[in-house]
Amino acid sequence: SYCRSIEGSDVHSFATINNSSMMHTRIRQIFLLPFSFLLPLITIIGAQEQGQFVVEGGVLEKKCLEKDPSMVTDISGGVKATLEVRNESPLALVIKWVGNDGNDSPHVIPGVIMPGESGTFHTKTRHIFRVYDEELGLLREHNVSQASDHIVIHEACHVVDKEAIQREMESLVHNQTEPCLPEDASPEWSCIRYIPRNEYQRRLDEFAGTVYGFSTKEESQTREIGDTEDKEWSFNIPKIPRVTTSGPGFLKMSFTKRMNEILLPWYKMHKKGGPRDMVRQHHVIRGGFTNSHTVTMSMLNIPHKLKLDLIQEMRRVLMWWTGGRPLEETATFGIRIYHRNSMLINHVDRADTHLASAVLQIAQEGVDQGWPLEVLHPDNSCSEVYLQPGEMVLYEGARFRHGRPMRLNGTDFANLFTHFRPYDWHGPGNSPRYDNQLDHDGFLKGSPSSSSTTKDEL
């Protein structure tokens, strides 16, 4: 069993995962960490079945609940309480603690309970929890009112046809070894080109400072002319978990049908020179990762409704790619439009928020040379990912170095970015399920993907 004591002001809570009394049940450790006084732990309840309607994308939705703004946690008192929870629904559950303002707390790591898993939680009475299924449909809100409780969840408010989703996604995945052709027409390429380590290094030796990286001291500022990689945050790489179970950490594929419908026509309408031109100058990107302070970029902000639709669709795609784990969206922005001589040195993304991400290729105009996303491998070889409009690359950006250090040889190159993380990940040192539990490849020790797992453990 695992026990973690949490202290803050007048709240003392901890979670115990007990696997001794449930011989036929997989037990999953679930952790919630406080920001200050925040926290008791997790409460789960079942969903009420109401009318049904079909949602595109392999999901049948039953009537989910609406939030009740009157449900707020009373942090002034309460007595210690124990709650035993079992998830017998077919979907993973996401449990969020509700603060005294009635909102899901952003400072407490949400709990995740997979189907068939159980946990025993210690909390206090008069604390409120919201329970969502993995599609983020609200199942119920619960006020802890008893010192001892036992809850079993039988249903979610979505029914997910995972076989249909699997078929759909497989149809969108590209041949990752397709050759880059025609050889003399890189603006037309939709492919992945592998560059061995020695060849990659020779290229940098010859062209860094001209074709690749910063070309002047005005551009490089505190960096060096010719720099193509930021190494400041690479120390985090061994602490970052893999979110996919295999593969190189990236995947090239086409947009879903829904993404094509909502993104490409909207861009054509609102791009520079379009019927409803909404393009504005992009702000300077801080941190010294780009030359945006000398080579300006443009921005076309997508409207809120379109953004919500895109987040929903990308959650579906990235959950499929990461094996069905529930994911929380942490950032979605764009459309960013790069211009001639723009470049972005190789880097790793934010360790706390950017674990499962995607770059969406929206448009490219006046491009004289293909402009790939580079993904650097641990041995310093490189994969160049070339995309066409309507295509995207999924990638594990906090663990794998990536960027566009080649200077853009073209007029406009429009990208949109979206980032997610597992609900139980809040960065190195703040994620008990993962901290000191990863093998050298980033997989959880003892998992089927881990090189440390023996045959007897499988």
Foldseek 3Di string as FASTA:
>chain_A
DDWDWADADPWIWIWDFDDPPPPPFDADDWFKHAPHRDDFDFDDAAADFDDWDDDPQQKIFTDFDDQDQVQAADPPDFDKAKEKEAEQEQFKKWKFWHHRRSDGDPRIQITIDGHRYITMIIGGFRTKMWMATLLRGTGDIDGRHDRYYYHYYNYHRMDGRVVSNVVQLVVFFDDAQDDFPPPQQQLPGFYKDWFDQVRVVVCLVVQQLHQFAPVDCLQQVPHDRRDQADDPQLVCQQLAAALALDDQFKTKTFAGPVCVVLAQVVCQQADVVHVNPPKDKDDDDDDRQKSCVPFTKIWDWDDPVSVVVVVSRVQSVQCVRSVNFRKDWDDKTTQIKGAFQIWGGWYADDQFWFQKKKKAWRAFAFFPHFFFKWWAGPVRIIMTGGRHHRMMMIGGRNNIIIIGRGGTRGGITTIIMIGIDGSQGGGAPRRVVRHVQADSVNHGQLDPSDPNHDPVSD
